[in-house]
Amino acid sequence: MPEFCMTYEDGEKIAEFVNSFYAEADLIIIHCDGGISRSAGVAAAIMRVKEGFDDPIFNNRNKHPNMTCYLRTLKGFGYI
């Protein structure tokens, strides 16, 4: 079985965590070791679900969203 940087369960945990405080939060900080791929994928998914857009991440030349993280976070939210 191949290893992935993120599991479906991780996506569910992210969704549960974000949903638990999103209405009261002014800022969400998302990080990974490099801050270019995995955190960008998770951030883009949260933005897509909660704000309806993810262009600031996908249109940033310095970010390269990890699509596994993006899609598994969307799935965790029940968005896809």
PDB file of N, CA and C in Angstrom:
ATOM      1  N   MET A   1       0.848  -1.181   0.000  1.00  0.00           N
ATOM      2  CA  MET A   1       0.000   0.000   0.000  1.00  0.00           C
ATOM      3  C   MET A   1       0.896   1.247   0.000  1.00  0.00           C
ATOM      4  N   PRO A   2       0.638   2.199  -0.894  1.00  0.00           N
ATOM      5  CA  PRO A   2       1.469   3.407  -0.933  1.00  0.00           C
ATOM      6  C   PRO A   2       1.214   4.310   0.272  1.00  0.00           C
ATOM      7  N   GLU A   3       2.230   5.043   0.645  1.00  0.00           N
ATOM      8  CA  GLU A   3       2.084   6.005   1.735  1.00  0.00           C
ATOM      9  C   GLU A   3       1.718   7.356   1.155  1.00  0.00           C
ATOM     10  N   PHE A   4       0.891   8.087   1.847  1.00  0.00           N
ATOM     11  CA  PHE A   4       0.485   9.423   1.427  1.00  0.00           C
ATOM     12  C   PHE A   4       0.828  10.410   2.519  1.00  0.00           C
ATOM     13  N   CYS A   5       0.994  11.659   2.120  1.00  0.00           N
ATOM     14  CA  CYS A   5       1.328  12.701   3.080  1.00  0.00           C
ATOM     15  C   CYS A   5       0.156  12.981   4.010  1.00  0.00           C
ATOM     16  N   MET A   6      -1.022  12.510   3.632  1.00  0.00           N
ATOM     17  CA  MET A   6      -2.220  12.782   4.413  1.00  0.00           C
ATOM     18  C   MET A   6      -3.238  11.674   4.156  1.00  0.00           C
ATOM     19  N   THR A   7      -3.934  11.259   5.201  1.00  0.00           N
ATOM     20  CA  THR A   7      -4.953  10.223   5.061  1.00  0.00           C
ATOM     21  C   THR A   7      -6.338  10.857   4.985  1.00  0.00           C
ATOM     22  N   TYR A   8      -7.327  10.051   4.621  1.00  0.00           N
ATOM     23  CA  TYR A   8      -8.716  10.534   4.641  1.00  0.00           C
ATOM     24  C   TYR A   8      -9.119  10.913   6.063  1.00  0.00           C
ATOM     25  N   GLU A   9      -8.622  10.150   7.038  1.00  0.00           N
ATOM     26  CA  GLU A   9      -8.918  10.451   8.441  1.00  0.00           C
ATOM     27  C   GLU A   9      -8.331  11.809   8.831  1.00  0.00           C
ATOM     28  N   ASP A  10      -7.152  12.130   8.335  1.00  0.00           N
ATOM     29  CA  ASP A  10      -6.568  13.451   8.595  1.00  0.00           C
ATOM     30  C   ASP A  10      -7.488  14.553   8.077  1.00  0.00           C
ATOM     31  N   GLY A  11      -8.036  14.357   6.884  1.00  0.00           N
ATOM     32  CA  GLY A  11      -8.960  15.343   6.316  1.00  0.00           C
ATOM     33  C   GLY A  11     -10.185  15.526   7.185  1.00  0.00           C
ATOM     34  N   GLU A  12     -10.707  14.437   7.713  1.00  0.00           N
ATOM     35  CA  GLU A  12     -11.869  14.510   8.615  1.00  0.00           C
ATOM     36  C   GLU A  12     -11.520  15.248   9.896  1.00  0.00           C
ATOM     37  N   LYS A  13     -10.325  14.991  10.439  1.00  0.00           N
ATOM     38  CA  LYS A  13      -9.892  15.660  11.667  1.00  0.00           C
ATOM     39  C   LYS A  13      -9.722  17.164  11.441  1.00  0.00           C
ATOM     40  N   ILE A  14      -9.165  17.530  10.290  1.00  0.00           N
ATOM     41  CA  ILE A  14      -9.009  18.950   9.959  1.00  0.00           C
ATOM     42  C   ILE A  14     -10.380  19.615   9.889  1.00  0.00           C
ATOM     43  N   ALA A  15     -11.311  18.979   9.185  1.00  0.00           N
ATOM     44  CA  ALA A  15     -12.660  19.535   9.047  1.00  0.00           C
ATOM     45  C   ALA A  15     -13.326  19.690  10.410  1.00  0.00           C
ATOM     46  N   GLU A  16     -13.226  18.681  11.245  1.00  0.00           N
ATOM     47  CA  GLU A  16     -13.827  18.741  12.578  1.00  0.00           C
ATOM     48  C   GLU A  16     -13.221  19.877  13.400  1.00  0.00           C
ATOM     49  N   PHE A  17     -11.906  19.998  13.346  1.00  0.00           N
ATOM     50  CA  PHE A  17     -11.221  21.051  14.096  1.00  0.00           C
ATOM     51  C   PHE A  17     -11.635  22.438  13.608  1.00  0.00           C
ATOM     52  N   VAL A  18     -11.600  22.637  12.297  1.00  0.00           N
ATOM     53  CA  VAL A  18     -11.947  23.948  11.735  1.00  0.00           C
ATOM     54  C   VAL A  18     -13.409  24.274  12.016  1.00  0.00           C
ATOM     55  N   ASN A  19     -14.293  23.314  11.828  1.00  0.00           N
ATOM     56  CA  ASN A  19     -15.718  23.559  12.076  1.00  0.00           C
ATOM     57  C   ASN A  19     -16.006  23.909  13.528  1.00  0.00           C
ATOM     58  N   SER A  20     -15.184  23.419  14.433  1.00  0.00           N
ATOM     59  CA  SER A  20     -15.439  23.656  15.856  1.00  0.00           C
ATOM     60  C   SER A  20     -15.213  25.103  16.288  1.00  0.00           C
ATOM     61  N   PHE A  21     -14.429  25.878  15.531  1.00  0.00           N
ATOM     62  CA  PHE A  21     -14.166  27.250  15.955  1.00  0.00           C
ATOM     63  C   PHE A  21     -14.260  28.285  14.840  1.00  0.00           C
ATOM     64  N   TYR A  22     -14.589  27.887  13.647  1.00  0.00           N
ATOM     65  CA  TYR A  22     -14.509  28.785  12.489  1.00  0.00           C
ATOM     66  C   TYR A  22     -15.306  30.077  12.676  1.00  0.00           C
ATOM     67  N   ALA A  23     -16.491  29.993  13.215  1.00  0.00           N
ATOM     68  CA  ALA A  23     -17.345  31.179  13.360  1.00  0.00           C
ATOM     69  C   ALA A  23     -16.721  32.232  14.278  1.00  0.00           C
ATOM     70  N   GLU A  24     -15.903  31.799  15.213  1.00  0.00           N
ATOM     71  CA  GLU A  24     -15.291  32.729  16.167  1.00  0.00           C
ATOM     72  C   GLU A  24     -13.871  33.131  15.795  1.00  0.00           C
ATOM     73  N   ALA A  25     -13.282  32.487  14.812  1.00  0.00           N
ATOM     74  CA  ALA A  25     -11.869  32.709  14.481  1.00  0.00           C
ATOM     75  C   ALA A  25     -11.681  33.935  13.593  1.00  0.00           C
ATOM     76  N   ASP A  26     -10.637  34.686  13.871  1.00  0.00           N
ATOM     77  CA  ASP A  26     -10.239  35.799  13.014  1.00  0.00           C
ATOM     78  C   ASP A  26      -9.149  35.363  12.040  1.00  0.00           C
ATOM     79  N   LEU A  27      -8.426  34.301  12.400  1.00  0.00           N
ATOM     80  CA  LEU A  27      -7.273  33.874  11.626  1.00  0.00           C
ATOM     81  C   LEU A  27      -7.038  32.388  11.849  1.00  0.00           C
ATOM     82  N   ILE A  28      -6.673  31.693  10.798  1.00  0.00           N
ATOM     83  CA  ILE A  28      -6.263  30.293  10.902  1.00  0.00           C
ATOM     84  C   ILE A  28      -4.850  30.203  10.347  1.00  0.00           C
ATOM     85  N   ILE A  29      -3.960  29.646  11.121  1.00  0.00           N
ATOM     86  CA  ILE A  29      -2.584  29.453  10.675  1.00  0.00           C
ATOM     87  C   ILE A  29      -2.398  27.974  10.368  1.00  0.00           C
ATOM     88  N   ILE A  30      -1.944  27.693   9.158  1.00  0.00           N
ATOM     89  CA  ILE A  30      -1.732  26.323   8.706  1.00  0.00           C
ATOM     90  C   ILE A  30      -0.265  26.208   8.318  1.00  0.00           C
ATOM     91  N   HIS A  31       0.400  25.178   8.816  1.00  0.00           N
ATOM     92  CA  HIS A  31       1.813  25.041   8.467  1.00  0.00           C
ATOM     93  C   HIS A  31       2.204  23.586   8.281  1.00  0.00           C
ATOM     94  N   CYS A  32       3.251  23.405   7.520  1.00  0.00           N
ATOM     95  CA  CYS A  32       3.903  22.109   7.360  1.00  0.00           C
ATOM     96  C   CYS A  32       5.399  22.402   7.323  1.00  0.00           C
ATOM     97  N   ASP A  33       6.207  21.422   7.058  1.00  0.00           N
ATOM     98  CA  ASP A  33       7.653  21.644   7.079  1.00  0.00           C
ATOM     99  C   ASP A  33       8.113  22.714   6.103  1.00  0.00           C
ATOM    100  N   GLY A  34       7.615  22.687   4.876  1.00  0.00           N
ATOM    101  CA  GLY A  34       8.071  23.633   3.857  1.00  0.00           C
ATOM    102  C   GLY A  34       7.155  24.824   3.659  1.00  0.00           C
ATOM    103  N   GLY A  35       5.858  24.654   3.930  1.00  0.00           N
ATOM    104  CA  GLY A  35       4.903  25.740   3.751  1.00  0.00           C
ATOM    105  C   GLY A  35       4.577  26.045   2.300  1.00  0.00           C
ATOM    106  N   ILE A  36       4.864  25.120   1.407  1.00  0.00           N
ATOM    107  CA  ILE A  36       4.655  25.362  -0.020  1.00  0.00           C
ATOM    108  C   ILE A  36       3.574  24.446  -0.586  1.00  0.00           C
ATOM    109  N   SER A  37       3.534  23.222  -0.148  1.00  0.00           N
ATOM    110  CA  SER A  37       2.691  22.227  -0.798  1.00  0.00           C
ATOM    111  C   SER A  37       1.559  21.718   0.097  1.00  0.00           C
ATOM    112  N   ARG A  38       1.903  21.030   1.157  1.00  0.00           N
ATOM    113  CA  ARG A  38       0.867  20.415   1.999  1.00  0.00           C
ATOM    114  C   ARG A  38      -0.002  21.445   2.682  1.00  0.00           C
ATOM    115  N   SER A  39       0.613  22.433   3.325  1.00  0.00           N
ATOM    116  CA  SER A  39      -0.195  23.455   3.996  1.00  0.00           C
ATOM    117  C   SER A  39      -0.990  24.268   2.983  1.00  0.00           C
ATOM    118  N   ALA A  40      -0.423  24.489   1.797  1.00  0.00           N
ATOM    119  CA  ALA A  40      -1.144  25.222   0.751  1.00  0.00           C
ATOM    120  C   ALA A  40      -2.365  24.428   0.291  1.00  0.00           C
ATOM    121  N   GLY A  41      -2.239  23.113   0.178  1.00  0.00           N
ATOM    122  CA  GLY A  41      -3.374  22.286  -0.208  1.00  0.00           C
ATOM    123  C   GLY A  41      -4.486  22.322   0.818  1.00  0.00           C
ATOM    124  N   VAL A  42      -4.120  22.227   2.080  1.00  0.00           N
ATOM    125  CA  VAL A  42      -5.112  22.277   3.158  1.00  0.00           C
ATOM    126  C   VAL A  42      -5.747  23.673   3.218  1.00  0.00           C
ATOM    127  N   ALA A  43      -4.938  24.711   3.134  1.00  0.00           N
ATOM    128  CA  ALA A  43      -5.465  26.079   3.174  1.00  0.00           C
ATOM    129  C   ALA A  43      -6.428  26.331   2.024  1.00  0.00           C
ATOM    130  N   ALA A  44      -6.074  25.885   0.827  1.00  0.00           N
ATOM    131  CA  ALA A  44      -6.943  26.090  -0.335  1.00  0.00           C
ATOM    132  C   ALA A  44      -8.283  25.383  -0.136  1.00  0.00           C
ATOM    133  N   ALA A  45      -8.249  24.183   0.411  1.00  0.00           N
ATOM    134  CA  ALA A  45      -9.494  23.440   0.638  1.00  0.00           C
ATOM    135  C   ALA A  45     -10.369  24.138   1.674  1.00  0.00           C
ATOM    136  N   ILE A  46      -9.761  24.601   2.758  1.00  0.00           N
ATOM    137  CA  ILE A  46     -10.537  25.312   3.774  1.00  0.00           C
ATOM    138  C   ILE A  46     -11.146  26.573   3.172  1.00  0.00           C
ATOM    139  N   MET A  47     -10.367  27.299   2.394  1.00  0.00           N
ATOM    140  CA  MET A  47     -10.886  28.508   1.749  1.00  0.00           C
ATOM    141  C   MET A  47     -12.043  28.170   0.807  1.00  0.00           C
ATOM    142  N   ARG A  48     -11.897  27.099   0.022  1.00  0.00           N
ATOM    143  CA  ARG A  48     -12.954  26.690  -0.928  1.00  0.00           C
ATOM    144  C   ARG A  48     -14.247  26.395  -0.177  1.00  0.00           C
ATOM    145  N   VAL A  49     -14.148  25.634   0.910  1.00  0.00           N
ATOM    146  CA  VAL A  49     -15.340  25.222   1.651  1.00  0.00           C
ATOM    147  C   VAL A  49     -15.952  26.388   2.418  1.00  0.00           C
ATOM    148  N   LYS A  50     -15.134  27.155   3.095  1.00  0.00           N
ATOM    149  CA  LYS A  50     -15.655  28.171   4.007  1.00  0.00           C
ATOM    150  C   LYS A  50     -15.894  29.534   3.352  1.00  0.00           C
ATOM    151  N   GLU A  51     -15.130  29.849   2.323  1.00  0.00           N
ATOM    152  CA  GLU A  51     -15.236  31.179   1.707  1.00  0.00           C
ATOM    153  C   GLU A  51     -15.736  31.128   0.266  1.00  0.00           C
ATOM    154  N   GLY A  52     -15.711  29.941  -0.346  1.00  0.00           N
ATOM    155  CA  GLY A  52     -16.204  29.789  -1.700  1.00  0.00           C
ATOM    156  C   GLY A  52     -15.178  30.045  -2.795  1.00  0.00           C
ATOM    157  N   PHE A  53     -13.931  30.261  -2.420  1.00  0.00           N
ATOM    158  CA  PHE A  53     -12.878  30.493  -3.411  1.00  0.00           C
ATOM    159  C   PHE A  53     -11.545  30.007  -2.864  1.00  0.00           C
ATOM    160  N   ASP A  54     -10.634  29.671  -3.785  1.00  0.00           N
ATOM    161  CA  ASP A  54      -9.297  29.238  -3.382  1.00  0.00           C
ATOM    162  C   ASP A  54      -8.222  29.840  -4.280  1.00  0.00           C
ATOM    163  N   ASP A  55      -8.610  30.830  -5.108  1.00  0.00           N
ATOM    164  CA  ASP A  55      -7.659  31.424  -6.059  1.00  0.00           C
ATOM    165  C   ASP A  55      -6.403  32.033  -5.422  1.00  0.00           C
ATOM    166  N   PRO A  56      -6.497  32.651  -4.238  1.00  0.00           N
ATOM    167  CA  PRO A  56      -5.256  33.221  -3.682  1.00  0.00           C
ATOM    168  C   PRO A  56      -4.147  32.181  -3.488  1.00  0.00           C
ATOM    169  N   ILE A  57      -4.528  30.939  -3.307  1.00  0.00           N
ATOM    170  CA  ILE A  57      -3.531  29.881  -3.160  1.00  0.00           C
ATOM    171  C   ILE A  57      -3.100  29.371  -4.538  1.00  0.00           C
ATOM    172  N   PHE A  58      -4.062  29.029  -5.364  1.00  0.00           N
ATOM    173  CA  PHE A  58      -3.738  28.442  -6.673  1.00  0.00           C
ATOM    174  C   PHE A  58      -3.102  29.447  -7.633  1.00  0.00           C
ATOM    175  N   ASN A  59      -3.329  30.731  -7.436  1.00  0.00           N
ATOM    176  CA  ASN A  59      -2.744  31.752  -8.316  1.00  0.00           C
ATOM    177  C   ASN A  59      -1.456  32.363  -7.770  1.00  0.00           C
ATOM    178  N   ASN A  60      -0.961  31.843  -6.668  1.00  0.00           N
ATOM    179  CA  ASN A  60       0.275  32.325  -6.058  1.00  0.00           C
ATOM    180  C   ASN A  60       1.445  31.505  -6.603  1.00  0.00           C
ATOM    181  N   ARG A  61       2.360  32.158  -7.303  1.00  0.00           N
ATOM    182  CA  ARG A  61       3.498  31.442  -7.906  1.00  0.00           C
ATOM    183  C   ARG A  61       4.393  30.770  -6.870  1.00  0.00           C
ATOM    184  N   ASN A  62       4.318  31.187  -5.616  1.00  0.00           N
ATOM    185  CA  ASN A  62       5.161  30.606  -4.573  1.00  0.00           C
ATOM    186  C   ASN A  62       4.522  29.397  -3.889  1.00  0.00           C
ATOM    187  N   LYS A  63       3.281  29.128  -4.204  1.00  0.00           N
ATOM    188  CA  LYS A  63       2.563  27.999  -3.599  1.00  0.00           C
ATOM    189  C   LYS A  63       2.281  26.958  -4.665  1.00  0.00           C
ATOM    190  N   HIS A  64       2.375  25.715  -4.281  1.00  0.00           N
ATOM    191  CA  HIS A  64       2.116  24.595  -5.179  1.00  0.00           C
ATOM    192  C   HIS A  64       1.276  23.581  -4.409  1.00  0.00           C
ATOM    193  N   PRO A  65      -0.028  23.834  -4.299  1.00  0.00           N
ATOM    194  CA  PRO A  65      -0.882  23.005  -3.450  1.00  0.00           C
ATOM    195  C   PRO A  65      -0.790  21.515  -3.769  1.00  0.00           C
ATOM    196  N   ASN A  66      -0.565  20.753  -2.737  1.00  0.00           N
ATOM    197  CA  ASN A  66      -0.541  19.299  -2.851  1.00  0.00           C
ATOM    198  C   ASN A  66      -1.983  18.854  -3.063  1.00  0.00           C
ATOM    199  N   MET A  67      -2.249  18.246  -4.207  1.00  0.00           N
ATOM    200  CA  MET A  67      -3.621  17.887  -4.551  1.00  0.00           C
ATOM    201  C   MET A  67      -4.176  16.762  -3.682  1.00  0.00           C
ATOM    202  N   THR A  68      -3.320  15.896  -3.163  1.00  0.00           N
ATOM    203  CA  THR A  68      -3.802  14.880  -2.223  1.00  0.00           C
ATOM    204  C   THR A  68      -4.337  15.555  -0.971  1.00  0.00           C
ATOM    205  N   CYS A  69      -3.587  16.495  -0.426  1.00  0.00           N
ATOM    206  CA  CYS A  69      -4.035  17.214   0.767  1.00  0.00           C
ATOM    207  C   CYS A  69      -5.304  18.015   0.486  1.00  0.00           C
ATOM    208  N   TYR A  70      -5.329  18.667  -0.671  1.00  0.00           N
ATOM    209  CA  TYR A  70      -6.488  19.471  -1.064  1.00  0.00           C
ATOM    210  C   TYR A  70      -7.743  18.602  -1.153  1.00  0.00           C
ATOM    211  N   LEU A  71      -7.665  17.527  -1.910  1.00  0.00           N
ATOM    212  CA  LEU A  71      -8.841  16.691  -2.128  1.00  0.00           C
ATOM    213  C   LEU A  71      -9.270  15.940  -0.868  1.00  0.00           C
ATOM    214  N   ARG A  72      -8.321  15.502  -0.063  1.00  0.00           N
ATOM    215  CA  ARG A  72      -8.689  14.779   1.163  1.00  0.00           C
ATOM    216  C   ARG A  72      -9.271  15.719   2.208  1.00  0.00           C
ATOM    217  N   THR A  73      -8.844  16.977   2.207  1.00  0.00           N
ATOM    218  CA  THR A  73      -9.466  17.949   3.101  1.00  0.00           C
ATOM    219  C   THR A  73     -10.878  18.270   2.617  1.00  0.00           C
ATOM    220  N   LEU A  74     -11.048  18.475   1.321  1.00  0.00           N
ATOM    221  CA  LEU A  74     -12.402  18.699   0.783  1.00  0.00           C
ATOM    222  C   LEU A  74     -13.322  17.527   1.129  1.00  0.00           C
ATOM    223  N   LYS A  75     -12.808  16.311   0.980  1.00  0.00           N
ATOM    224  CA  LYS A  75     -13.601  15.126   1.304  1.00  0.00           C
ATOM    225  C   LYS A  75     -13.931  15.099   2.792  1.00  0.00           C
ATOM    226  N   GLY A  76     -12.986  15.476   3.641  1.00  0.00           N
ATOM    227  CA  GLY A  76     -13.226  15.519   5.081  1.00  0.00           C
ATOM    228  C   GLY A  76     -14.361  16.454   5.451  1.00  0.00           C
ATOM    229  N   PHE A  77     -14.503  17.529   4.702  1.00  0.00           N
ATOM    230  CA  PHE A  77     -15.595  18.482   4.925  1.00  0.00           C
ATOM    231  C   PHE A  77     -16.894  18.007   4.297  1.00  0.00           C
ATOM    232  N   GLY A  78     -16.832  16.930   3.498  1.00  0.00           N
ATOM    233  CA  GLY A  78     -18.018  16.479   2.798  1.00  0.00           C
ATOM    234  C   GLY A  78     -18.321  17.332   1.579  1.00  0.00           C
ATOM    235  N   TYR A  79     -17.346  18.076   1.115  1.00  0.00           N
ATOM    236  CA  TYR A  79     -17.512  18.956  -0.032  1.00  0.00           C
ATOM    237  C   TYR A  79     -17.508  18.170  -1.340  1.00  0.00           C
ATOM    238  N   ILE A  80     -16.759  17.086  -1.357  1.00  0.00           N
ATOM    239  CA  ILE A  80     -16.744  16.210  -2.533  1.00  0.00           C
ATOM    240  C   ILE A  80     -17.024  14.780  -2.088  1.00  0.00           C
TER     241      ILE A  80
END
